[in-house]
Amino acid sequence: MKAADIFIAVLFIILILISSLFLSGSGDEVLINANSKEYRYPLSEDRIVEVEGLIGTTTIEIKDGKASIIDSPCPGKTCLSMKMGDAICCLPNRVLLTIENSSKEVDAYAY
């Protein structure tokens, strides 16, 4: 491997990281599905939301354009450490958070 190959590989890695920061989780609102009910909240307004799931109440924080689960009754608490990309789920409590754009533009086509 030559120095130019290493430089190109590092450049690609940096470009991928920068693009993932700007593209991941970008949207207008968070859609919350909890125990067969659906809720929508804008990401532009900071708030705390409590939703009832199958085994109890899940607390969701919407702050600085991001959404995260800050408390849940599930035993493993794995959902508390999940970072918002496109979705966060708490399977035992049947709560799912997804980011959606209000504009109905197509991002990509797959064949």
PDB file of N, CA and C in Angstrom:
ATOM      1  N   MET A   1       0.835  -1.172   0.000  1.00  0.00           N
ATOM      2  CA  MET A   1       0.000   0.000   0.000  1.00  0.00           C
ATOM      3  C   MET A   1       0.887   1.244   0.000  1.00  0.00           C
ATOM      4  N   LYS A   2       0.549   2.165  -0.853  1.00  0.00           N
ATOM      5  CA  LYS A   2       1.327   3.388  -0.953  1.00  0.00           C
ATOM      6  C   LYS A   2       0.673   4.503  -0.148  1.00  0.00           C
ATOM      7  N   ALA A   3       1.408   5.572   0.047  1.00  0.00           N
ATOM      8  CA  ALA A   3       0.904   6.705   0.821  1.00  0.00           C
ATOM      9  C   ALA A   3      -0.351   7.289   0.198  1.00  0.00           C
ATOM     10  N   ALA A   4      -0.426   7.321  -1.114  1.00  0.00           N
ATOM     11  CA  ALA A   4      -1.612   7.858  -1.790  1.00  0.00           C
ATOM     12  C   ALA A   4      -2.839   6.974  -1.522  1.00  0.00           C
ATOM     13  N   ASP A   5      -2.654   5.659  -1.459  1.00  0.00           N
ATOM     14  CA  ASP A   5      -3.762   4.752  -1.155  1.00  0.00           C
ATOM     15  C   ASP A   5      -4.285   4.985   0.253  1.00  0.00           C
ATOM     16  N   ILE A   6      -3.393   5.159   1.191  1.00  0.00           N
ATOM     17  CA  ILE A   6      -3.788   5.420   2.576  1.00  0.00           C
ATOM     18  C   ILE A   6      -4.521   6.754   2.664  1.00  0.00           C
ATOM     19  N   PHE A   7      -4.014   7.770   1.966  1.00  0.00           N
ATOM     20  CA  PHE A   7      -4.648   9.082   1.972  1.00  0.00           C
ATOM     21  C   PHE A   7      -6.071   9.000   1.428  1.00  0.00           C
ATOM     22  N   ILE A   8      -6.264   8.279   0.331  1.00  0.00           N
ATOM     23  CA  ILE A   8      -7.599   8.145  -0.265  1.00  0.00           C
ATOM     24  C   ILE A   8      -8.537   7.387   0.671  1.00  0.00           C
ATOM     25  N   ALA A   9      -8.046   6.333   1.300  1.00  0.00           N
ATOM     26  CA  ALA A   9      -8.876   5.565   2.236  1.00  0.00           C
ATOM     27  C   ALA A   9      -9.304   6.434   3.421  1.00  0.00           C
ATOM     28  N   VAL A  10      -8.375   7.192   3.986  1.00  0.00           N
ATOM     29  CA  VAL A  10      -8.702   8.077   5.113  1.00  0.00           C
ATOM     30  C   VAL A  10      -9.680   9.150   4.667  1.00  0.00           C
ATOM     31  N   LEU A  11      -9.503   9.697   3.472  1.00  0.00           N
ATOM     32  CA  LEU A  11     -10.404  10.715   2.951  1.00  0.00           C
ATOM     33  C   LEU A  11     -11.823  10.171   2.813  1.00  0.00           C
ATOM     34  N   PHE A  12     -11.968   8.948   2.299  1.00  0.00           N
ATOM     35  CA  PHE A  12     -13.287   8.331   2.181  1.00  0.00           C
ATOM     36  C   PHE A  12     -13.932   8.106   3.548  1.00  0.00           C
ATOM     37  N   ILE A  13     -13.165   7.677   4.513  1.00  0.00           N
ATOM     38  CA  ILE A  13     -13.700   7.458   5.858  1.00  0.00           C
ATOM     39  C   ILE A  13     -14.191   8.775   6.449  1.00  0.00           C
ATOM     40  N   ILE A  14     -13.423   9.832   6.288  1.00  0.00           N
ATOM     41  CA  ILE A  14     -13.830  11.143   6.801  1.00  0.00           C
ATOM     42  C   ILE A  14     -15.102  11.620   6.106  1.00  0.00           C
ATOM     43  N   LEU A  15     -15.203  11.450   4.803  1.00  0.00           N
ATOM     44  CA  LEU A  15     -16.405  11.856   4.074  1.00  0.00           C
ATOM     45  C   LEU A  15     -17.631  11.065   4.515  1.00  0.00           C
ATOM     46  N   ILE A  16     -17.460   9.779   4.756  1.00  0.00           N
ATOM     47  CA  ILE A  16     -18.576   8.953   5.226  1.00  0.00           C
ATOM     48  C   ILE A  16     -19.040   9.411   6.605  1.00  0.00           C
ATOM     49  N   LEU A  17     -18.110   9.679   7.514  1.00  0.00           N
ATOM     50  CA  LEU A  17     -18.479  10.140   8.851  1.00  0.00           C
ATOM     51  C   LEU A  17     -19.186  11.485   8.812  1.00  0.00           C
ATOM     52  N   ILE A  18     -18.690  12.406   8.003  1.00  0.00           N
ATOM     53  CA  ILE A  18     -19.316  13.727   7.909  1.00  0.00           C
ATOM     54  C   ILE A  18     -20.719  13.607   7.315  1.00  0.00           C
ATOM     55  N   SER A  19     -20.885  12.815   6.272  1.00  0.00           N
ATOM     56  CA  SER A  19     -22.205  12.677   5.662  1.00  0.00           C
ATOM     57  C   SER A  19     -23.185  11.987   6.601  1.00  0.00           C
ATOM     58  N   SER A  20     -22.730  11.036   7.399  1.00  0.00           N
ATOM     59  CA  SER A  20     -23.644  10.368   8.332  1.00  0.00           C
ATOM     60  C   SER A  20     -24.101  11.312   9.435  1.00  0.00           C
ATOM     61  N   LEU A  21     -23.267  12.253   9.831  1.00  0.00           N
ATOM     62  CA  LEU A  21     -23.671  13.235  10.839  1.00  0.00           C
ATOM     63  C   LEU A  21     -24.776  14.130  10.318  1.00  0.00           C
ATOM     64  N   PHE A  22     -24.698  14.505   9.055  1.00  0.00           N
ATOM     65  CA  PHE A  22     -25.684  15.413   8.495  1.00  0.00           C
ATOM     66  C   PHE A  22     -26.947  14.712   8.033  1.00  0.00           C
ATOM     67  N   LEU A  23     -26.882  13.451   7.668  1.00  0.00           N
ATOM     68  CA  LEU A  23     -28.028  12.768   7.112  1.00  0.00           C
ATOM     69  C   LEU A  23     -28.785  11.925   8.117  1.00  0.00           C
ATOM     70  N   SER A  24     -28.145  11.445   9.128  1.00  0.00           N
ATOM     71  CA  SER A  24     -28.775  10.517  10.058  1.00  0.00           C
ATOM     72  C   SER A  24     -29.767  11.230  10.964  1.00  0.00           C
ATOM     73  N   GLY A  25     -31.004  10.733  10.978  1.00  0.00           N
ATOM     74  CA  GLY A  25     -32.001  11.251  11.885  1.00  0.00           C
ATOM     75  C   GLY A  25     -32.521  12.628  11.544  1.00  0.00           C
ATOM     76  N   SER A  26     -32.294  13.097  10.325  1.00  0.00           N
ATOM     77  CA  SER A  26     -32.797  14.416   9.983  1.00  0.00           C
ATOM     78  C   SER A  26     -34.253  14.287   9.580  1.00  0.00           C
ATOM     79  N   GLY A  27     -35.107  15.033  10.231  1.00  0.00           N
ATOM     80  CA  GLY A  27     -36.519  14.988   9.926  1.00  0.00           C
ATOM     81  C   GLY A  27     -37.252  16.084  10.640  1.00  0.00           C
ATOM     82  N   ASP A  28     -38.541  16.136  10.415  1.00  0.00           N
ATOM     83  CA  ASP A  28     -39.356  17.194  10.981  1.00  0.00           C
ATOM     84  C   ASP A  28     -40.084  16.783  12.255  1.00  0.00           C
ATOM     85  N   GLU A  29     -40.427  15.516  12.351  1.00  0.00           N
ATOM     86  CA  GLU A  29     -41.217  15.089  13.495  1.00  0.00           C
ATOM     87  C   GLU A  29     -40.858  13.667  13.905  1.00  0.00           C
ATOM     88  N   VAL A  30     -41.213  13.350  15.147  1.00  0.00           N
ATOM     89  CA  VAL A  30     -41.005  11.991  15.639  1.00  0.00           C
ATOM     90  C   VAL A  30     -42.373  11.317  15.695  1.00  0.00           C
ATOM     91  N   LEU A  31     -42.424  10.113  15.165  1.00  0.00           N
ATOM     92  CA  LEU A  31     -43.634   9.300  15.210  1.00  0.00           C
ATOM     93  C   LEU A  31     -43.424   8.257  16.296  1.00  0.00           C
ATOM     94  N   ILE A  32     -44.345   8.198  17.246  1.00  0.00           N
ATOM     95  CA  ILE A  32     -44.251   7.251  18.359  1.00  0.00           C
ATOM     96  C   ILE A  32     -45.404   6.264  18.238  1.00  0.00           C
ATOM     97  N   ASN A  33     -45.074   4.990  18.117  1.00  0.00           N
ATOM     98  CA  ASN A  33     -46.068   3.917  18.156  1.00  0.00           C
ATOM     99  C   ASN A  33     -45.923   3.232  19.501  1.00  0.00           C
ATOM    100  N   ALA A  34     -46.992   3.249  20.275  1.00  0.00           N
ATOM    101  CA  ALA A  34     -46.957   2.649  21.603  1.00  0.00           C
ATOM    102  C   ALA A  34     -48.215   1.831  21.818  1.00  0.00           C
ATOM    103  N   ASN A  35     -48.034   0.522  21.918  1.00  0.00           N
ATOM    104  CA  ASN A  35     -49.132  -0.385  22.220  1.00  0.00           C
ATOM    105  C   ASN A  35     -50.323  -0.159  21.286  1.00  0.00           C
ATOM    106  N   SER A  36     -50.042  -0.122  19.979  1.00  0.00           N
ATOM    107  CA  SER A  36     -51.035   0.033  18.908  1.00  0.00           C
ATOM    108  C   SER A  36     -51.645   1.432  18.819  1.00  0.00           C
ATOM    109  N   LYS A  37     -51.069   2.430  19.472  1.00  0.00           N
ATOM    110  CA  LYS A  37     -51.507   3.822  19.333  1.00  0.00           C
ATOM    111  C   LYS A  37     -50.380   4.622  18.704  1.00  0.00           C
ATOM    112  N   GLU A  38     -50.747   5.686  17.978  1.00  0.00           N
ATOM    113  CA  GLU A  38     -49.759   6.480  17.262  1.00  0.00           C
ATOM    114  C   GLU A  38     -49.817   7.942  17.715  1.00  0.00           C
ATOM    115  N   TYR A  39     -48.633   8.519  17.946  1.00  0.00           N
ATOM    116  CA  TYR A  39     -48.511   9.914  18.353  1.00  0.00           C
ATOM    117  C   TYR A  39     -47.457  10.577  17.470  1.00  0.00           C
ATOM    118  N   ARG A  40     -47.662  11.867  17.131  1.00  0.00           N
ATOM    119  CA  ARG A  40     -46.693  12.637  16.346  1.00  0.00           C
ATOM    120  C   ARG A  40     -46.373  13.930  17.074  1.00  0.00           C
ATOM    121  N   TYR A  41     -45.070  14.244  17.134  1.00  0.00           N
ATOM    122  CA  TYR A  41     -44.624  15.474  17.774  1.00  0.00           C
ATOM    123  C   TYR A  41     -43.535  16.115  16.928  1.00  0.00           C
ATOM    124  N   PRO A  42     -43.551  17.445  16.796  1.00  0.00           N
ATOM    125  CA  PRO A  42     -42.479  18.107  16.037  1.00  0.00           C
ATOM    126  C   PRO A  42     -41.167  18.056  16.805  1.00  0.00           C
ATOM    127  N   LEU A  43     -40.073  17.863  16.086  1.00  0.00           N
ATOM    128  CA  LEU A  43     -38.758  17.844  16.716  1.00  0.00           C
ATOM    129  C   LEU A  43     -38.282  19.254  17.073  1.00  0.00           C
ATOM    130  N   SER A  44     -38.962  20.259  16.553  1.00  0.00           N
ATOM    131  CA  SER A  44     -38.554  21.640  16.805  1.00  0.00           C
ATOM    132  C   SER A  44     -38.991  22.142  18.182  1.00  0.00           C
ATOM    133  N   GLU A  45     -39.880  21.424  18.859  1.00  0.00           N
ATOM    134  CA  GLU A  45     -40.368  21.832  20.181  1.00  0.00           C
ATOM    135  C   GLU A  45     -39.861  20.861  21.243  1.00  0.00           C
ATOM    136  N   ASP A  46     -39.113  21.373  22.214  1.00  0.00           N
ATOM    137  CA  ASP A  46     -38.616  20.535  23.311  1.00  0.00           C
ATOM    138  C   ASP A  46     -39.777  20.154  24.222  1.00  0.00           C
ATOM    139  N   ARG A  47     -39.816  18.886  24.611  1.00  0.00           N
ATOM    140  CA  ARG A  47     -40.881  18.408  25.507  1.00  0.00           C
ATOM    141  C   ARG A  47     -40.545  17.032  26.049  1.00  0.00           C
ATOM    142  N   ILE A  48     -41.252  16.644  27.087  1.00  0.00           N
ATOM    143  CA  ILE A  48     -41.204  15.295  27.655  1.00  0.00           C
ATOM    144  C   ILE A  48     -42.558  14.654  27.368  1.00  0.00           C
ATOM    145  N   VAL A  49     -42.534  13.447  26.803  1.00  0.00           N
ATOM    146  CA  VAL A  49     -43.753  12.728  26.454  1.00  0.00           C
ATOM    147  C   VAL A  49     -43.766  11.408  27.204  1.00  0.00           C
ATOM    148  N   GLU A  50     -44.892  11.076  27.819  1.00  0.00           N
ATOM    149  CA  GLU A  50     -45.060   9.781  28.472  1.00  0.00           C
ATOM    150  C   GLU A  50     -46.128   9.008  27.723  1.00  0.00           C
ATOM    151  N   VAL A  51     -45.786   7.778  27.316  1.00  0.00           N
ATOM    152  CA  VAL A  51     -46.731   6.929  26.600  1.00  0.00           C
ATOM    153  C   VAL A  51     -46.865   5.600  27.330  1.00  0.00           C
ATOM    154  N   GLU A  52     -48.071   5.063  27.284  1.00  0.00           N
ATOM    155  CA  GLU A  52     -48.329   3.780  27.923  1.00  0.00           C
ATOM    156  C   GLU A  52     -48.030   2.654  26.953  1.00  0.00           C
ATOM    157  N   GLY A  53     -47.181   1.745  27.371  1.00  0.00           N
ATOM    158  CA  GLY A  53     -46.857   0.562  26.586  1.00  0.00           C
ATOM    159  C   GLY A  53     -47.505  -0.660  27.187  1.00  0.00           C
ATOM    160  N   LEU A  54     -47.054  -1.808  26.786  1.00  0.00           N
ATOM    161  CA  LEU A  54     -47.620  -3.071  27.237  1.00  0.00           C
ATOM    162  C   LEU A  54     -47.364  -3.327  28.723  1.00  0.00           C
ATOM    163  N   ILE A  55     -46.159  -2.939  29.211  1.00  0.00           N
ATOM    164  CA  ILE A  55     -45.814  -3.249  30.602  1.00  0.00           C
ATOM    165  C   ILE A  55     -45.677  -2.011  31.489  1.00  0.00           C
ATOM    166  N   GLY A  56     -45.974  -0.821  30.946  1.00  0.00           N
ATOM    167  CA  GLY A  56     -45.882   0.382  31.762  1.00  0.00           C
ATOM    168  C   GLY A  56     -45.652   1.632  30.938  1.00  0.00           C
ATOM    169  N   THR A  57     -45.192   2.681  31.619  1.00  0.00           N
ATOM    170  CA  THR A  57     -45.017   3.988  30.993  1.00  0.00           C
ATOM    171  C   THR A  57     -43.580   4.185  30.516  1.00  0.00           C
ATOM    172  N   THR A  58     -43.430   4.588  29.252  1.00  0.00           N
ATOM    173  CA  THR A  58     -42.130   4.936  28.680  1.00  0.00           C
ATOM    174  C   THR A  58     -42.071   6.451  28.561  1.00  0.00           C
ATOM    175  N   THR A  59     -40.970   7.045  29.031  1.00  0.00           N
ATOM    176  CA  THR A  59     -40.782   8.488  28.978  1.00  0.00           C
ATOM    177  C   THR A  59     -39.819   8.826  27.857  1.00  0.00           C
ATOM    178  N   ILE A  60     -40.244   9.740  26.981  1.00  0.00           N
ATOM    179  CA  ILE A  60     -39.471  10.134  25.801  1.00  0.00           C
ATOM    180  C   ILE A  60     -39.160  11.617  25.910  1.00  0.00           C
ATOM    181  N   GLU A  61     -37.906  11.961  25.634  1.00  0.00           N
ATOM    182  CA  GLU A  61     -37.497  13.362  25.648  1.00  0.00           C
ATOM    183  C   GLU A  61     -37.229  13.819  24.216  1.00  0.00           C
ATOM    184  N   ILE A  62     -37.858  14.931  23.837  1.00  0.00           N
ATOM    185  CA  ILE A  62     -37.592  15.574  22.557  1.00  0.00           C
ATOM    186  C   ILE A  62     -36.873  16.876  22.887  1.00  0.00           C
ATOM    187  N   LYS A  63     -35.616  16.980  22.459  1.00  0.00           N
ATOM    188  CA  LYS A  63     -34.802  18.133  22.828  1.00  0.00           C
ATOM    189  C   LYS A  63     -33.770  18.400  21.744  1.00  0.00           C
ATOM    190  N   ASP A  64     -33.608  19.655  21.384  1.00  0.00           N
ATOM    191  CA  ASP A  64     -32.614  20.085  20.396  1.00  0.00           C
ATOM    192  C   ASP A  64     -32.743  19.331  19.070  1.00  0.00           C
ATOM    193  N   GLY A  65     -33.976  19.062  18.648  1.00  0.00           N
ATOM    194  CA  GLY A  65     -34.202  18.396  17.375  1.00  0.00           C
ATOM    195  C   GLY A  65     -33.957  16.905  17.391  1.00  0.00           C
ATOM    196  N   LYS A  66     -33.812  16.312  18.580  1.00  0.00           N
ATOM    197  CA  LYS A  66     -33.564  14.877  18.707  1.00  0.00           C
ATOM    198  C   LYS A  66     -34.563  14.274  19.689  1.00  0.00           C
ATOM    199  N   ALA A  67     -34.778  12.980  19.561  1.00  0.00           N
ATOM    200  CA  ALA A  67     -35.672  12.267  20.460  1.00  0.00           C
ATOM    201  C   ALA A  67     -34.944  11.081  21.059  1.00  0.00           C
ATOM    202  N   SER A  68     -35.209  10.807  22.334  1.00  0.00           N
ATOM    203  CA  SER A  68     -34.604   9.647  22.988  1.00  0.00           C
ATOM    204  C   SER A  68     -35.512   9.155  24.104  1.00  0.00           C
ATOM    205  N   ILE A  69     -35.367   7.888  24.440  1.00  0.00           N
ATOM    206  CA  ILE A  69     -36.098   7.309  25.562  1.00  0.00           C
ATOM    207  C   ILE A  69     -35.251   7.536  26.805  1.00  0.00           C
ATOM    208  N   ILE A  70     -35.841   8.180  27.816  1.00  0.00           N
ATOM    209  CA  ILE A  70     -35.082   8.466  29.032  1.00  0.00           C
ATOM    210  C   ILE A  70     -35.506   7.602  30.217  1.00  0.00           C
ATOM    211  N   ASP A  71     -36.649   6.924  30.108  1.00  0.00           N
ATOM    212  CA  ASP A  71     -37.062   6.002  31.162  1.00  0.00           C
ATOM    213  C   ASP A  71     -38.045   5.000  30.572  1.00  0.00           C
ATOM    214  N   SER A  72     -37.901   3.744  30.983  1.00  0.00           N
ATOM    215  CA  SER A  72     -38.767   2.692  30.486  1.00  0.00           C
ATOM    216  C   SER A  72     -38.862   1.574  31.524  1.00  0.00           C
ATOM    217  N   PRO A  73     -40.001   0.887  31.591  1.00  0.00           N
ATOM    218  CA  PRO A  73     -40.156  -0.175  32.578  1.00  0.00           C
ATOM    219  C   PRO A  73     -39.559  -1.512  32.148  1.00  0.00           C
ATOM    220  N   CYS A  74     -38.944  -1.574  30.984  1.00  0.00           N
ATOM    221  CA  CYS A  74     -38.417  -2.858  30.499  1.00  0.00           C
ATOM    222  C   CYS A  74     -37.244  -3.327  31.363  1.00  0.00           C
ATOM    223  N   PRO A  75     -37.031  -4.629  31.456  1.00  0.00           N
ATOM    224  CA  PRO A  75     -35.994  -5.144  32.349  1.00  0.00           C
ATOM    225  C   PRO A  75     -34.564  -4.839  31.906  1.00  0.00           C
ATOM    226  N   GLY A  76     -34.268  -4.892  30.609  1.00  0.00           N
ATOM    227  CA  GLY A  76     -32.890  -4.714  30.146  1.00  0.00           C
ATOM    228  C   GLY A  76     -32.461  -3.270  30.005  1.00  0.00           C
ATOM    229  N   LYS A  77     -33.411  -2.352  29.820  1.00  0.00           N
ATOM    230  CA  LYS A  77     -33.140  -0.916  29.641  1.00  0.00           C
ATOM    231  C   LYS A  77     -32.207  -0.642  28.460  1.00  0.00           C
ATOM    232  N   THR A  78     -32.188  -1.522  27.461  1.00  0.00           N
ATOM    233  CA  THR A  78     -31.348  -1.332  26.282  1.00  0.00           C
ATOM    234  C   THR A  78     -31.763  -0.091  25.506  1.00  0.00           C
ATOM    235  N   CYS A  79     -33.050   0.213  25.483  1.00  0.00           N
ATOM    236  CA  CYS A  79     -33.554   1.343  24.707  1.00  0.00           C
ATOM    237  C   CYS A  79     -33.021   2.682  25.227  1.00  0.00           C
ATOM    238  N   LEU A  80     -32.601   2.744  26.487  1.00  0.00           N
ATOM    239  CA  LEU A  80     -32.086   3.995  27.046  1.00  0.00           C
ATOM    240  C   LEU A  80     -30.747   4.374  26.447  1.00  0.00           C
ATOM    241  N   SER A  81     -29.989   3.395  25.994  1.00  0.00           N
ATOM    242  CA  SER A  81     -28.666   3.680  25.436  1.00  0.00           C
ATOM    243  C   SER A  81     -28.675   3.803  23.920  1.00  0.00           C
ATOM    244  N   MET A  82     -29.832   3.606  23.282  1.00  0.00           N
ATOM    245  CA  MET A  82     -29.902   3.709  21.825  1.00  0.00           C
ATOM    246  C   MET A  82     -29.857   5.173  21.403  1.00  0.00           C
ATOM    247  N   LYS A  83     -29.112   5.446  20.347  1.00  0.00           N
ATOM    248  CA  LYS A  83     -29.019   6.795  19.794  1.00  0.00           C
ATOM    249  C   LYS A  83     -29.967   6.903  18.619  1.00  0.00           C
ATOM    250  N   MET A  84     -30.578   8.057  18.485  1.00  0.00           N
ATOM    251  CA  MET A  84     -31.557   8.254  17.421  1.00  0.00           C
ATOM    252  C   MET A  84     -30.864   8.364  16.078  1.00  0.00           C
ATOM    253  N   GLY A  85     -31.132   7.420  15.227  1.00  0.00           N
ATOM    254  CA  GLY A  85     -30.726   7.480  13.836  1.00  0.00           C
ATOM    255  C   GLY A  85     -32.006   7.584  13.046  1.00  0.00           C
ATOM    256  N   ASP A  86     -32.566   6.450  12.725  1.00  0.00           N
ATOM    257  CA  ASP A  86     -33.866   6.423  12.088  1.00  0.00           C
ATOM    258  C   ASP A  86     -34.939   5.894  13.033  1.00  0.00           C
ATOM    259  N   ALA A  87     -34.538   5.074  14.015  1.00  0.00           N
ATOM    260  CA  ALA A  87     -35.535   4.479  14.901  1.00  0.00           C
ATOM    261  C   ALA A  87     -34.910   4.058  16.230  1.00  0.00           C
ATOM    262  N   ILE A  88     -35.761   4.067  17.262  1.00  0.00           N
ATOM    263  CA  ILE A  88     -35.426   3.516  18.576  1.00  0.00           C
ATOM    264  C   ILE A  88     -36.611   2.663  18.989  1.00  0.00           C
ATOM    265  N   CYS A  89     -36.349   1.492  19.550  1.00  0.00           N
ATOM    266  CA  CYS A  89     -37.462   0.651  19.966  1.00  0.00           C
ATOM    267  C   CYS A  89     -37.230   0.087  21.353  1.00  0.00           C
ATOM    268  N   CYS A  90     -38.340  -0.098  22.059  1.00  0.00           N
ATOM    269  CA  CYS A  90     -38.358  -0.808  23.330  1.00  0.00           C
ATOM    270  C   CYS A  90     -39.296  -1.994  23.104  1.00  0.00           C
ATOM    271  N   LEU A  91     -38.718  -3.139  22.780  1.00  0.00           N
ATOM    272  CA  LEU A  91     -39.530  -4.302  22.416  1.00  0.00           C
ATOM    273  C   LEU A  91     -40.410  -4.819  23.545  1.00  0.00           C
ATOM    274  N   PRO A  92     -39.904  -4.951  24.784  1.00  0.00           N
ATOM    275  CA  PRO A  92     -40.781  -5.478  25.826  1.00  0.00           C
ATOM    276  C   PRO A  92     -42.016  -4.608  26.083  1.00  0.00           C
ATOM    277  N   ASN A  93     -41.875  -3.287  25.911  1.00  0.00           N
ATOM    278  CA  ASN A  93     -42.998  -2.377  26.169  1.00  0.00           C
ATOM    279  C   ASN A  93     -43.748  -2.012  24.896  1.00  0.00           C
ATOM    280  N   ARG A  94     -43.301  -2.515  23.757  1.00  0.00           N
ATOM    281  CA  ARG A  94     -43.914  -2.264  22.453  1.00  0.00           C
ATOM    282  C   ARG A  94     -44.013  -0.768  22.146  1.00  0.00           C
ATOM    283  N   VAL A  95     -42.864  -0.088  22.242  1.00  0.00           N
ATOM    284  CA  VAL A  95     -42.779   1.336  21.909  1.00  0.00           C
ATOM    285  C   VAL A  95     -41.731   1.496  20.810  1.00  0.00           C
ATOM    286  N   LEU A  96     -42.091   2.232  19.765  1.00  0.00           N
ATOM    287  CA  LEU A  96     -41.201   2.467  18.635  1.00  0.00           C
ATOM    288  C   LEU A  96     -41.195   3.955  18.301  1.00  0.00           C
ATOM    289  N   LEU A  97     -40.000   4.549  18.193  1.00  0.00           N
ATOM    290  CA  LEU A  97     -39.837   5.938  17.779  1.00  0.00           C
ATOM    291  C   LEU A  97     -39.196   5.941  16.403  1.00  0.00           C
ATOM    292  N   THR A  98     -39.755   6.713  15.471  1.00  0.00           N
ATOM    293  CA  THR A  98     -39.157   6.874  14.152  1.00  0.00           C
ATOM    294  C   THR A  98     -39.191   8.350  13.770  1.00  0.00           C
ATOM    295  N   ILE A  99     -38.216   8.772  12.975  1.00  0.00           N
ATOM    296  CA  ILE A  99     -38.143  10.135  12.486  1.00  0.00           C
ATOM    297  C   ILE A  99     -38.777  10.178  11.103  1.00  0.00           C
ATOM    298  N   GLU A 100     -39.641  11.167  10.875  1.00  0.00           N
ATOM    299  CA  GLU A 100     -40.299  11.304   9.582  1.00  0.00           C
ATOM    300  C   GLU A 100     -40.210  12.739   9.104  1.00  0.00           C
ATOM    301  N   ASN A 101     -40.166  12.892   7.800  1.00  0.00           N
ATOM    302  CA  ASN A 101     -40.231  14.206   7.178  1.00  0.00           C
ATOM    303  C   ASN A 101     -41.678  14.504   6.828  1.00  0.00           C
ATOM    304  N   SER A 102     -42.105  15.726   7.045  1.00  0.00           N
ATOM    305  CA  SER A 102     -43.465  16.091   6.679  1.00  0.00           C
ATOM    306  C   SER A 102     -43.597  16.271   5.173  1.00  0.00           C
ATOM    307  N   SER A 103     -42.486  16.606   4.520  1.00  0.00           N
ATOM    308  CA  SER A 103     -42.530  16.698   3.056  1.00  0.00           C
ATOM    309  C   SER A 103     -42.529  15.279   2.507  1.00  0.00           C
ATOM    310  N   LYS A 104     -43.328  15.054   1.519  1.00  0.00           N
ATOM    311  CA  LYS A 104     -43.487  13.698   0.962  1.00  0.00           C
ATOM    312  C   LYS A 104     -42.540  13.469  -0.208  1.00  0.00           C
ATOM    313  N   GLU A 105     -41.379  14.073  -0.181  1.00  0.00           N
ATOM    314  CA  GLU A 105     -40.398  13.891  -1.232  1.00  0.00           C
ATOM    315  C   GLU A 105     -39.765  12.509  -1.105  1.00  0.00           C
ATOM    316  N   VAL A 106     -39.386  11.950  -2.235  1.00  0.00           N
ATOM    317  CA  VAL A 106     -38.742  10.640  -2.265  1.00  0.00           C
ATOM    318  C   VAL A 106     -37.244  10.842  -2.071  1.00  0.00           C
ATOM    319  N   ASP A 107     -36.662  10.129  -1.108  1.00  0.00           N
ATOM    320  CA  ASP A 107     -35.229  10.213  -0.864  1.00  0.00           C
ATOM    321  C   ASP A 107     -34.431   9.383  -1.860  1.00  0.00           C
ATOM    322  N   ALA A 108     -34.934   8.184  -2.181  1.00  0.00           N
ATOM    323  CA  ALA A 108     -34.198   7.292  -3.067  1.00  0.00           C
ATOM    324  C   ALA A 108     -35.148   6.234  -3.610  1.00  0.00           C
ATOM    325  N   TYR A 109     -34.758   5.654  -4.710  1.00  0.00           N
ATOM    326  CA  TYR A 109     -35.497   4.538  -5.297  1.00  0.00           C
ATOM    327  C   TYR A 109     -34.623   3.285  -5.220  1.00  0.00           C
ATOM    328  N   ALA A 110     -35.244   2.141  -5.024  1.00  0.00           N
ATOM    329  CA  ALA A 110     -34.522   0.870  -5.028  1.00  0.00           C
ATOM    330  C   ALA A 110     -35.177  -0.051  -6.053  1.00  0.00           C
ATOM    331  N   TYR A 111     -34.355  -0.729  -6.803  1.00  0.00           N
ATOM    332  CA  TYR A 111     -34.881  -1.652  -7.827  1.00  0.00           C
ATOM    333  C   TYR A 111     -34.448  -3.062  -7.504  1.00  0.00           C
TER     334      TYR A 111
END
